[in-house]
Amino acid sequence: RAQEQDVVLVAHSYAAFPAVGAADRVPEKVARLVFVDTGAPESGEAVITQMPHLLDLADGGVLPVPGGIDATHGVPDTEGERYRHLAKPHPLRTVTDPITLTGAWLKVPTTGVLCLAGGRLSLEVVRALYGTGDPRFAKLAEPGVTFFELATGHWPMLSTPTELTDVLVRAAAGEGESLLQEGLRR
């Protein structure tokens, strides 16, 4: 609430929950939400809805730092070590408590950064999801919703930081490919 207008919120993985929660509470402050290799949560959903195995990892109310990181495509060993050195345990309730949303965030322009390595989500798959007619995917084709693809895994900030920075700058400017357009600009 204290920030100026035109905030661009960038969410990677789990961070979709707090970013969407913030945008839902003060959508007038958010110029764009950028989802990096993650989707948007639904109201009432918790992280464990999609990842119930996290409960098995819990230790004393926290999720310990994993020994390794999944989907490390292209992450140099030195960056993986740096991640493990800097990472901290994650409070368990942040993954078990459901998010409550009003839907106000749905009016905020969004960009999806799709990380392709390892058969992950692509623009082609997103188009197919939209094509199912499921109302959960209706926002994907609205004006102001754009996409980029990166040929990397789940950790582009570690594997392709220069390319990710370029995409984030372009996303903040409203660039990217519309779901209904053919041919993704890189």
N, C-alpha and C. Protein backbone atom coordinates (compact mmCIF):
# COMPACT_ATOMS: atom_id res chain seq x y z
N ARG A 1 0.82 -1.21 0.00
CA ARG A 1 0.00 0.00 0.00
C ARG A 1 0.85 1.26 0.00
N ALA A 2 2.04 1.17 0.56
CA ALA A 2 2.90 2.34 0.66
C ALA A 2 3.65 2.64 -0.63
N GLN A 3 3.65 1.72 -1.57
CA GLN A 3 4.38 1.90 -2.82
C GLN A 3 3.65 2.87 -3.75
N GLU A 4 4.42 3.44 -4.65
CA GLU A 4 3.86 4.28 -5.70
C GLU A 4 2.98 3.43 -6.61
N GLN A 5 2.28 4.10 -7.51
CA GLN A 5 1.51 3.40 -8.54
C GLN A 5 2.48 2.67 -9.48
N ASP A 6 1.91 1.86 -10.34
CA ASP A 6 2.66 1.19 -11.40
C ASP A 6 3.72 0.21 -10.91
N VAL A 7 3.44 -0.49 -9.83
CA VAL A 7 4.32 -1.53 -9.33
C VAL A 7 4.21 -2.75 -10.26
N VAL A 8 5.34 -3.33 -10.60
CA VAL A 8 5.37 -4.59 -11.34
C VAL A 8 5.79 -5.67 -10.35
N LEU A 9 4.89 -6.61 -10.10
CA LEU A 9 5.18 -7.71 -9.19
C LEU A 9 5.63 -8.92 -10.00
N VAL A 10 6.79 -9.47 -9.66
CA VAL A 10 7.31 -10.64 -10.34
C VAL A 10 7.26 -11.81 -9.37
N ALA A 11 6.60 -12.88 -9.78
CA ALA A 11 6.42 -14.05 -8.93
C ALA A 11 7.02 -15.27 -9.59
N HIS A 12 7.90 -15.94 -8.87
CA HIS A 12 8.48 -17.20 -9.34
C HIS A 12 7.98 -18.31 -8.43
N SER A 13 7.42 -19.35 -9.03
CA SER A 13 7.03 -20.54 -8.30
C SER A 13 6.04 -20.21 -7.18
N TYR A 14 6.36 -20.56 -5.93
CA TYR A 14 5.48 -20.32 -4.79
C TYR A 14 5.04 -18.86 -4.69
N ALA A 15 5.90 -17.93 -5.09
CA ALA A 15 5.63 -16.50 -4.90
C ALA A 15 4.37 -16.04 -5.62
N ALA A 16 3.79 -16.88 -6.47
CA ALA A 16 2.50 -16.52 -7.08
C ALA A 16 1.46 -16.27 -6.00
N PHE A 17 1.51 -16.99 -4.91
CA PHE A 17 0.52 -16.83 -3.85
C PHE A 17 0.60 -15.44 -3.21
N PRO A 18 1.74 -15.02 -2.66
CA PRO A 18 1.77 -13.67 -2.08
C PRO A 18 1.62 -12.56 -3.11
N ALA A 19 2.12 -12.76 -4.33
CA ALA A 19 2.00 -11.71 -5.35
C ALA A 19 0.55 -11.52 -5.77
N VAL A 20 -0.17 -12.60 -6.03
CA VAL A 20 -1.58 -12.49 -6.39
C VAL A 20 -2.38 -11.94 -5.21
N GLY A 21 -2.03 -12.38 -4.00
CA GLY A 21 -2.71 -11.85 -2.81
C GLY A 21 -2.54 -10.35 -2.68
N ALA A 22 -1.33 -9.85 -2.91
CA ALA A 22 -1.08 -8.41 -2.84
C ALA A 22 -1.84 -7.67 -3.94
N ALA A 23 -1.77 -8.19 -5.16
CA ALA A 23 -2.46 -7.54 -6.28
C ALA A 23 -3.96 -7.54 -6.09
N ASP A 24 -4.48 -8.57 -5.45
CA ASP A 24 -5.92 -8.66 -5.21
C ASP A 24 -6.37 -7.61 -4.18
N ARG A 25 -5.50 -7.28 -3.25
CA ARG A 25 -5.86 -6.33 -2.21
C ARG A 25 -5.70 -4.88 -2.66
N VAL A 26 -4.73 -4.58 -3.51
CA VAL A 26 -4.51 -3.22 -3.99
C VAL A 26 -4.25 -3.22 -5.50
N PRO A 27 -5.21 -3.66 -6.30
CA PRO A 27 -4.97 -3.76 -7.74
C PRO A 27 -4.65 -2.42 -8.40
N GLU A 28 -5.11 -1.35 -7.82
CA GLU A 28 -4.85 -0.03 -8.39
C GLU A 28 -3.37 0.35 -8.33
N LYS A 29 -2.60 -0.30 -7.49
CA LYS A 29 -1.17 -0.03 -7.36
C LYS A 29 -0.32 -0.86 -8.32
N VAL A 30 -0.90 -1.93 -8.87
CA VAL A 30 -0.11 -2.90 -9.64
C VAL A 30 -0.33 -2.69 -11.14
N ALA A 31 0.76 -2.37 -11.81
CA ALA A 31 0.71 -2.17 -13.26
C ALA A 31 0.73 -3.49 -14.01
N ARG A 32 1.40 -4.49 -13.44
CA ARG A 32 1.51 -5.79 -14.11
C ARG A 32 1.98 -6.83 -13.10
N LEU A 33 1.44 -8.03 -13.26
CA LEU A 33 1.90 -9.21 -12.53
C LEU A 33 2.65 -10.07 -13.53
N VAL A 34 3.85 -10.50 -13.19
CA VAL A 34 4.64 -11.36 -14.06
C VAL A 34 4.83 -12.69 -13.34
N PHE A 35 4.38 -13.76 -13.97
CA PHE A 35 4.48 -15.11 -13.42
C PHE A 35 5.63 -15.83 -14.10
N VAL A 36 6.70 -16.13 -13.37
CA VAL A 36 7.86 -16.82 -13.92
C VAL A 36 7.74 -18.31 -13.56
N ASP A 37 7.43 -19.11 -14.56
CA ASP A 37 7.30 -20.56 -14.45
C ASP A 37 6.37 -20.95 -13.29
N THR A 38 5.22 -20.30 -13.26
CA THR A 38 4.21 -20.59 -12.25
C THR A 38 2.86 -20.16 -12.78
N GLY A 39 1.83 -20.65 -12.15
CA GLY A 39 0.48 -20.24 -12.50
C GLY A 39 -0.12 -19.43 -11.37
N ALA A 40 -1.33 -18.97 -11.56
CA ALA A 40 -2.01 -18.17 -10.55
C ALA A 40 -2.89 -19.07 -9.70
N PRO A 41 -2.87 -18.86 -8.39
CA PRO A 41 -3.73 -19.67 -7.52
C PRO A 41 -5.19 -19.24 -7.61
N GLU A 42 -6.06 -20.16 -7.27
CA GLU A 42 -7.49 -19.90 -7.15
C GLU A 42 -7.80 -19.58 -5.69
N SER A 43 -8.83 -18.80 -5.44
CA SER A 43 -9.25 -18.53 -4.08
C SER A 43 -9.58 -19.85 -3.38
N GLY A 44 -9.10 -20.01 -2.16
CA GLY A 44 -9.32 -21.22 -1.40
C GLY A 44 -8.25 -22.28 -1.61
N GLU A 45 -7.35 -22.06 -2.53
CA GLU A 45 -6.29 -23.02 -2.82
C GLU A 45 -5.08 -22.74 -1.93
N ALA A 46 -4.35 -23.78 -1.61
CA ALA A 46 -3.08 -23.67 -0.89
C ALA A 46 -2.02 -24.36 -1.74
N VAL A 47 -0.76 -24.06 -1.48
CA VAL A 47 0.32 -24.68 -2.24
C VAL A 47 0.22 -26.21 -2.17
N ILE A 48 -0.14 -26.73 -1.01
CA ILE A 48 -0.21 -28.19 -0.88
C ILE A 48 -1.33 -28.80 -1.70
N THR A 49 -2.24 -27.97 -2.20
CA THR A 49 -3.27 -28.49 -3.12
C THR A 49 -2.60 -29.15 -4.31
N GLN A 50 -1.56 -28.51 -4.82
CA GLN A 50 -0.82 -29.04 -5.97
C GLN A 50 0.40 -29.85 -5.58
N MET A 51 0.89 -29.65 -4.35
CA MET A 51 2.14 -30.30 -3.93
C MET A 51 1.99 -30.92 -2.54
N PRO A 52 1.11 -31.92 -2.39
CA PRO A 52 0.86 -32.48 -1.06
C PRO A 52 2.09 -33.14 -0.42
N HIS A 53 3.06 -33.52 -1.24
CA HIS A 53 4.27 -34.16 -0.71
C HIS A 53 5.05 -33.24 0.22
N LEU A 54 4.81 -31.93 0.15
CA LEU A 54 5.54 -31.00 1.01
C LEU A 54 5.29 -31.28 2.49
N LEU A 55 4.09 -31.78 2.81
CA LEU A 55 3.79 -32.09 4.21
C LEU A 55 4.73 -33.16 4.76
N ASP A 56 5.16 -34.08 3.92
CA ASP A 56 6.08 -35.13 4.35
C ASP A 56 7.47 -34.58 4.68
N LEU A 57 7.80 -33.42 4.14
CA LEU A 57 9.12 -32.83 4.35
C LEU A 57 9.18 -31.92 5.57
N ALA A 58 8.01 -31.54 6.10
CA ALA A 58 7.94 -30.56 7.19
C ALA A 58 8.68 -31.05 8.43
N ASP A 59 9.32 -30.10 9.10
CA ASP A 59 10.06 -30.39 10.31
C ASP A 59 9.89 -29.22 11.27
N GLY A 60 9.08 -29.43 12.31
CA GLY A 60 8.90 -28.38 13.32
C GLY A 60 8.28 -27.10 12.80
N GLY A 61 7.31 -27.19 11.93
CA GLY A 61 6.63 -26.00 11.43
C GLY A 61 7.32 -25.30 10.28
N VAL A 62 8.38 -25.89 9.75
CA VAL A 62 9.06 -25.30 8.60
C VAL A 62 9.36 -26.39 7.57
N LEU A 63 9.57 -25.93 6.35
CA LEU A 63 10.08 -26.81 5.29
C LEU A 63 11.58 -26.53 5.20
N PRO A 64 12.41 -27.54 5.46
CA PRO A 64 13.85 -27.30 5.40
C PRO A 64 14.31 -27.01 3.97
N VAL A 65 15.46 -26.40 3.87
CA VAL A 65 16.05 -26.13 2.56
C VAL A 65 16.34 -27.48 1.91
N PRO A 66 15.87 -27.69 0.69
CA PRO A 66 16.15 -28.97 0.02
C PRO A 66 17.63 -29.14 -0.26
N GLY A 67 18.07 -30.39 -0.28
CA GLY A 67 19.47 -30.68 -0.57
C GLY A 67 19.85 -30.32 -1.99
N GLY A 68 18.90 -30.34 -2.89
CA GLY A 68 19.14 -29.98 -4.28
C GLY A 68 17.94 -29.23 -4.80
N ILE A 69 18.03 -28.76 -6.01
CA ILE A 69 16.89 -28.07 -6.61
C ILE A 69 16.46 -28.84 -7.85
N ASP A 70 15.14 -28.96 -8.01
CA ASP A 70 14.59 -29.65 -9.16
C ASP A 70 14.69 -28.78 -10.41
N ALA A 71 14.57 -29.42 -11.55
CA ALA A 71 14.54 -28.71 -12.84
C ALA A 71 15.72 -27.76 -12.98
N THR A 72 16.91 -28.28 -12.78
CA THR A 72 18.12 -27.45 -12.77
C THR A 72 18.70 -27.21 -14.15
N HIS A 73 17.96 -27.51 -15.20
CA HIS A 73 18.46 -27.36 -16.56
C HIS A 73 19.27 -26.07 -16.72
N GLY A 74 20.53 -26.22 -17.01
CA GLY A 74 21.38 -25.08 -17.30
C GLY A 74 21.89 -24.32 -16.10
N VAL A 75 21.57 -24.73 -14.88
CA VAL A 75 22.06 -24.01 -13.70
C VAL A 75 23.50 -24.45 -13.44
N PRO A 76 24.45 -23.51 -13.51
CA PRO A 76 25.85 -23.87 -13.22
C PRO A 76 25.98 -24.37 -11.78
N ASP A 77 26.91 -25.29 -11.56
CA ASP A 77 27.11 -25.83 -10.21
C ASP A 77 27.34 -24.72 -9.18
N THR A 78 28.10 -23.69 -9.57
CA THR A 78 28.37 -22.60 -8.61
C THR A 78 27.09 -21.88 -8.19
N GLU A 79 26.15 -21.72 -9.12
CA GLU A 79 24.88 -21.07 -8.78
C GLU A 79 24.01 -21.96 -7.91
N GLY A 80 24.04 -23.27 -8.16
CA GLY A 80 23.31 -24.21 -7.31
C GLY A 80 23.84 -24.19 -5.90
N GLU A 81 25.16 -24.14 -5.77
CA GLU A 81 25.78 -24.05 -4.43
C GLU A 81 25.42 -22.74 -3.75
N ARG A 82 25.44 -21.65 -4.49
CA ARG A 82 25.09 -20.34 -3.94
C ARG A 82 23.65 -20.35 -3.45
N TYR A 83 22.75 -20.93 -4.23
CA TYR A 83 21.35 -21.06 -3.82
C TYR A 83 21.24 -21.81 -2.49
N ARG A 84 21.89 -22.96 -2.40
CA ARG A 84 21.81 -23.76 -1.18
C ARG A 84 22.40 -23.02 0.02
N HIS A 85 23.43 -22.22 -0.21
CA HIS A 85 24.06 -21.46 0.87
C HIS A 85 23.14 -20.33 1.37
N LEU A 86 22.44 -19.68 0.46
CA LEU A 86 21.62 -18.52 0.83
C LEU A 86 20.18 -18.88 1.21
N ALA A 87 19.70 -20.03 0.80
CA ALA A 87 18.31 -20.41 1.05
C ALA A 87 18.06 -20.60 2.55
N LYS A 88 16.84 -20.32 2.94
CA LYS A 88 16.42 -20.45 4.35
C LYS A 88 15.20 -21.36 4.41
N PRO A 89 14.97 -21.98 5.58
CA PRO A 89 13.76 -22.79 5.74
C PRO A 89 12.51 -21.94 5.49
N HIS A 90 11.46 -22.59 5.05
CA HIS A 90 10.22 -21.92 4.65
C HIS A 90 9.13 -22.23 5.67
N PRO A 91 8.46 -21.22 6.24
CA PRO A 91 7.39 -21.49 7.21
C PRO A 91 6.29 -22.37 6.59
N LEU A 92 5.94 -23.42 7.28
CA LEU A 92 4.99 -24.40 6.74
C LEU A 92 3.62 -23.78 6.45
N ARG A 93 3.14 -22.89 7.29
CA ARG A 93 1.80 -22.34 7.09
C ARG A 93 1.68 -21.57 5.78
N THR A 94 2.78 -21.11 5.22
CA THR A 94 2.70 -20.40 3.93
C THR A 94 2.30 -21.34 2.81
N VAL A 95 2.48 -22.64 3.02
CA VAL A 95 2.07 -23.59 2.00
C VAL A 95 0.79 -24.35 2.37
N THR A 96 0.39 -24.28 3.64
CA THR A 96 -0.82 -25.01 4.05
C THR A 96 -2.05 -24.11 4.15
N ASP A 97 -1.86 -22.83 4.46
CA ASP A 97 -3.01 -21.93 4.59
C ASP A 97 -3.53 -21.55 3.20
N PRO A 98 -4.83 -21.67 2.98
CA PRO A 98 -5.38 -21.30 1.68
C PRO A 98 -5.42 -19.78 1.49
N ILE A 99 -5.32 -19.38 0.25
CA ILE A 99 -5.38 -17.95 -0.08
C ILE A 99 -6.85 -17.57 -0.29
N THR A 100 -7.19 -16.37 0.15
CA THR A 100 -8.53 -15.85 -0.05
C THR A 100 -8.42 -14.67 -1.01
N LEU A 101 -9.11 -14.77 -2.13
CA LEU A 101 -9.05 -13.73 -3.16
C LEU A 101 -10.44 -13.21 -3.47
N THR A 102 -10.51 -11.92 -3.79
CA THR A 102 -11.80 -11.32 -4.18
C THR A 102 -12.01 -11.39 -5.68
N GLY A 103 -10.94 -11.57 -6.42
CA GLY A 103 -11.00 -11.54 -7.88
C GLY A 103 -10.58 -10.21 -8.46
N ALA A 104 -10.30 -9.22 -7.59
CA ALA A 104 -9.88 -7.90 -8.08
C ALA A 104 -8.58 -7.98 -8.89
N TRP A 105 -7.72 -8.92 -8.58
CA TRP A 105 -6.45 -9.05 -9.30
C TRP A 105 -6.65 -9.41 -10.76
N LEU A 106 -7.80 -9.98 -11.10
CA LEU A 106 -8.04 -10.41 -12.47
C LEU A 106 -8.07 -9.24 -13.46
N LYS A 107 -8.21 -8.03 -12.97
CA LYS A 107 -8.19 -6.84 -13.83
C LYS A 107 -6.77 -6.34 -14.10
N VAL A 108 -5.78 -6.90 -13.40
CA VAL A 108 -4.39 -6.48 -13.54
C VAL A 108 -3.78 -7.16 -14.77
N PRO A 109 -3.12 -6.40 -15.65
CA PRO A 109 -2.43 -7.02 -16.78
C PRO A 109 -1.39 -8.02 -16.27
N THR A 110 -1.23 -9.12 -16.99
CA THR A 110 -0.29 -10.15 -16.56
C THR A 110 0.59 -10.63 -17.71
N THR A 111 1.74 -11.17 -17.32
CA THR A 111 2.64 -11.80 -18.27
C THR A 111 3.08 -13.13 -17.68
N GLY A 112 3.06 -14.16 -18.50
CA GLY A 112 3.58 -15.46 -18.12
C GLY A 112 4.92 -15.69 -18.80
N VAL A 113 5.91 -16.06 -18.01
CA VAL A 113 7.22 -16.44 -18.55
C VAL A 113 7.29 -17.95 -18.43
N LEU A 114 7.20 -18.61 -19.57
CA LEU A 114 7.14 -20.07 -19.62
C LEU A 114 8.54 -20.63 -19.83
N CYS A 115 8.99 -21.47 -18.92
CA CYS A 115 10.31 -22.09 -19.01
C CYS A 115 10.14 -23.48 -19.60
N LEU A 116 10.75 -23.70 -20.75
CA LEU A 116 10.44 -24.85 -21.59
C LEU A 116 11.22 -26.13 -21.33
N ALA A 117 12.39 -26.04 -20.73
CA ALA A 117 13.25 -27.22 -20.59
C ALA A 117 12.56 -28.31 -19.78
N GLY A 118 12.79 -29.53 -20.17
CA GLY A 118 12.23 -30.66 -19.45
C GLY A 118 10.76 -30.89 -19.74
N GLY A 119 10.28 -30.39 -20.89
CA GLY A 119 8.89 -30.62 -21.26
C GLY A 119 7.89 -29.83 -20.44
N ARG A 120 8.31 -28.70 -19.94
CA ARG A 120 7.44 -27.87 -19.10
C ARG A 120 6.41 -27.15 -19.97
N LEU A 121 5.60 -26.33 -19.36
CA LEU A 121 4.51 -25.62 -20.01
C LEU A 121 5.02 -24.71 -21.13
N SER A 122 4.36 -24.77 -22.29
CA SER A 122 4.71 -23.92 -23.44
C SER A 122 3.49 -23.11 -23.84
N LEU A 123 3.70 -22.15 -24.73
CA LEU A 123 2.59 -21.35 -25.23
C LEU A 123 1.59 -22.24 -25.97
N GLU A 124 2.09 -23.24 -26.66
CA GLU A 124 1.20 -24.17 -27.36
C GLU A 124 0.27 -24.88 -26.37
N VAL A 125 0.81 -25.31 -25.24
CA VAL A 125 0.00 -25.98 -24.22
C VAL A 125 -0.99 -25.00 -23.60
N VAL A 126 -0.53 -23.77 -23.34
CA VAL A 126 -1.43 -22.75 -22.78
C VAL A 126 -2.59 -22.49 -23.73
N ARG A 127 -2.30 -22.42 -25.02
CA ARG A 127 -3.38 -22.24 -26.01
C ARG A 127 -4.38 -23.40 -25.93
N ALA A 128 -3.86 -24.61 -25.78
CA ALA A 128 -4.74 -25.78 -25.69
C ALA A 128 -5.59 -25.72 -24.43
N LEU A 129 -5.02 -25.29 -23.31
CA LEU A 129 -5.79 -25.16 -22.08
C LEU A 129 -6.92 -24.15 -22.26
N TYR A 130 -6.58 -23.01 -22.86
CA TYR A 130 -7.61 -22.00 -23.13
C TYR A 130 -8.70 -22.58 -24.03
N GLY A 131 -8.28 -23.36 -25.01
CA GLY A 131 -9.21 -23.95 -25.97
C GLY A 131 -10.20 -24.94 -25.37
N THR A 132 -9.95 -25.40 -24.14
CA THR A 132 -10.89 -26.33 -23.50
C THR A 132 -12.19 -25.64 -23.10
N GLY A 133 -12.15 -24.30 -23.00
CA GLY A 133 -13.34 -23.57 -22.57
C GLY A 133 -13.52 -23.52 -21.07
N ASP A 134 -12.61 -24.11 -20.32
CA ASP A 134 -12.67 -24.07 -18.85
C ASP A 134 -12.57 -22.61 -18.39
N PRO A 135 -13.52 -22.13 -17.58
CA PRO A 135 -13.51 -20.73 -17.15
C PRO A 135 -12.23 -20.32 -16.42
N ARG A 136 -11.53 -21.27 -15.80
CA ARG A 136 -10.28 -20.93 -15.10
C ARG A 136 -9.23 -20.37 -16.05
N PHE A 137 -9.34 -20.69 -17.34
CA PHE A 137 -8.33 -20.26 -18.30
C PHE A 137 -8.79 -19.08 -19.15
N ALA A 138 -9.95 -18.51 -18.87
CA ALA A 138 -10.49 -17.41 -19.68
C ALA A 138 -9.57 -16.19 -19.69
N LYS A 139 -8.96 -15.85 -18.56
CA LYS A 139 -8.09 -14.67 -18.49
C LYS A 139 -6.90 -14.76 -19.44
N LEU A 140 -6.50 -15.97 -19.81
CA LEU A 140 -5.30 -16.15 -20.61
C LEU A 140 -5.35 -15.44 -21.96
N ALA A 141 -6.54 -15.20 -22.48
CA ALA A 141 -6.66 -14.58 -23.80
C ALA A 141 -7.15 -13.14 -23.74
N GLU A 142 -7.24 -12.57 -22.57
CA GLU A 142 -7.72 -11.20 -22.45
C GLU A 142 -6.66 -10.20 -22.91
N PRO A 143 -7.10 -9.01 -23.32
CA PRO A 143 -6.13 -7.95 -23.65
C PRO A 143 -5.27 -7.65 -22.43
N GLY A 144 -4.01 -7.38 -22.63
CA GLY A 144 -3.11 -7.09 -21.53
C GLY A 144 -2.43 -8.32 -20.95
N VAL A 145 -2.76 -9.49 -21.47
CA VAL A 145 -2.12 -10.73 -21.02
C VAL A 145 -1.13 -11.16 -22.10
N THR A 146 0.13 -11.28 -21.70
CA THR A 146 1.18 -11.62 -22.66
C THR A 146 2.01 -12.79 -22.13
N PHE A 147 2.81 -13.35 -23.03
CA PHE A 147 3.65 -14.50 -22.69
C PHE A 147 5.01 -14.38 -23.35
N PHE A 148 5.98 -14.98 -22.70
CA PHE A 148 7.32 -15.18 -23.24
C PHE A 148 7.69 -16.64 -22.98
N GLU A 149 8.54 -17.19 -23.81
CA GLU A 149 9.11 -18.51 -23.58
C GLU A 149 10.62 -18.37 -23.40
N LEU A 150 11.16 -19.13 -22.46
CA LEU A 150 12.61 -19.20 -22.26
C LEU A 150 13.02 -20.66 -22.34
N ALA A 151 14.09 -20.93 -23.06
CA ALA A 151 14.59 -22.30 -23.23
C ALA A 151 15.47 -22.67 -22.05
N THR A 152 14.84 -22.79 -20.89
CA THR A 152 15.55 -23.14 -19.67
C THR A 152 14.60 -23.87 -18.73
N GLY A 153 15.10 -24.24 -17.56
CA GLY A 153 14.28 -24.93 -16.57
C GLY A 153 13.64 -23.96 -15.58
N HIS A 154 13.25 -24.47 -14.44
CA HIS A 154 12.46 -23.74 -13.45
C HIS A 154 13.22 -22.60 -12.77
N TRP A 155 14.51 -22.52 -12.93
CA TRP A 155 15.32 -21.53 -12.22
C TRP A 155 16.02 -20.58 -13.21
N PRO A 156 15.29 -19.82 -14.01
CA PRO A 156 15.94 -18.97 -15.01
C PRO A 156 16.81 -17.87 -14.41
N MET A 157 16.52 -17.47 -13.17
CA MET A 157 17.36 -16.46 -12.53
C MET A 157 18.76 -17.00 -12.24
N LEU A 158 18.89 -18.33 -12.22
CA LEU A 158 20.19 -18.96 -12.02
C LEU A 158 20.80 -19.46 -13.32
N SER A 159 19.97 -19.92 -14.24
CA SER A 159 20.48 -20.52 -15.47
C SER A 159 20.64 -19.52 -16.61
N THR A 160 19.72 -18.57 -16.73
CA THR A 160 19.75 -17.61 -17.84
C THR A 160 19.38 -16.21 -17.32
N PRO A 161 20.17 -15.67 -16.39
CA PRO A 161 19.79 -14.40 -15.77
C PRO A 161 19.71 -13.22 -16.75
N THR A 162 20.58 -13.19 -17.74
CA THR A 162 20.54 -12.08 -18.70
C THR A 162 19.27 -12.14 -19.54
N GLU A 163 18.93 -13.34 -20.02
CA GLU A 163 17.72 -13.50 -20.82
C GLU A 163 16.47 -13.21 -19.99
N LEU A 164 16.46 -13.67 -18.74
CA LEU A 164 15.31 -13.40 -17.87
C LEU A 164 15.18 -11.90 -17.61
N THR A 165 16.28 -11.23 -17.37
CA THR A 165 16.23 -9.77 -17.15
C THR A 165 15.63 -9.07 -18.35
N ASP A 166 16.06 -9.44 -19.54
CA ASP A 166 15.51 -8.85 -20.77
C ASP A 166 14.00 -9.07 -20.85
N VAL A 167 13.57 -10.29 -20.58
CA VAL A 167 12.14 -10.61 -20.63
C VAL A 167 11.37 -9.81 -19.58
N LEU A 168 11.92 -9.67 -18.38
CA LEU A 168 11.22 -8.92 -17.33
C LEU A 168 11.08 -7.45 -17.68
N VAL A 169 12.11 -6.87 -18.26
CA VAL A 169 12.03 -5.47 -18.70
C VAL A 169 10.96 -5.32 -19.78
N ARG A 170 10.96 -6.24 -20.72
CA ARG A 170 9.97 -6.20 -21.79
C ARG A 170 8.55 -6.45 -21.26
N ALA A 171 8.43 -7.36 -20.31
CA ALA A 171 7.11 -7.64 -19.71
C ALA A 171 6.59 -6.40 -18.99
N ALA A 172 7.46 -5.73 -18.25
CA ALA A 172 7.05 -4.51 -17.53
C ALA A 172 6.54 -3.45 -18.49
N ALA A 173 7.06 -3.46 -19.72
CA ALA A 173 6.62 -2.51 -20.75
C ALA A 173 5.37 -2.98 -21.48
N GLY A 174 4.84 -4.14 -21.09
CA GLY A 174 3.63 -4.66 -21.71
C GLY A 174 3.87 -5.46 -22.97
N GLU A 175 5.13 -5.77 -23.25
CA GLU A 175 5.44 -6.55 -24.44
C GLU A 175 5.17 -8.03 -24.19
N GLY A 176 5.33 -8.81 -25.23
CA GLY A 176 5.13 -10.25 -25.16
C GLY A 176 4.10 -10.67 -26.19
N GLU A 177 3.84 -11.93 -26.21
CA GLU A 177 2.92 -12.51 -27.20
C GLU A 177 1.55 -12.72 -26.58
N SER A 178 0.53 -12.31 -27.30
CA SER A 178 -0.84 -12.60 -26.88
C SER A 178 -1.12 -14.07 -27.14
N LEU A 179 -1.95 -14.65 -26.32
CA LEU A 179 -2.28 -16.06 -26.45
C LEU A 179 -2.83 -16.41 -27.83
N LEU A 180 -3.59 -15.52 -28.39
CA LEU A 180 -4.24 -15.83 -29.66
C LEU A 180 -3.38 -15.47 -30.86
N GLN A 181 -2.21 -14.89 -30.64
CA GLN A 181 -1.32 -14.59 -31.76
C GLN A 181 -0.48 -15.82 -32.08
N GLU A 182 -0.10 -15.95 -33.31
CA GLU A 182 0.77 -17.05 -33.71
C GLU A 182 2.22 -16.56 -33.68
N GLY A 183 3.12 -17.46 -33.37
CA GLY A 183 4.54 -17.13 -33.44
C GLY A 183 5.00 -16.28 -32.27
N LEU A 184 5.77 -16.82 -31.38
CA LEU A 184 6.23 -16.11 -30.18
C LEU A 184 7.47 -15.31 -30.50
N ARG A 185 7.43 -14.01 -30.20
CA ARG A 185 8.61 -13.16 -30.36
C ARG A 185 9.53 -13.39 -29.18
N ARG A 186 10.80 -13.48 -29.44
CA ARG A 186 11.79 -13.65 -28.34
C ARG A 186 12.61 -12.42 -28.19
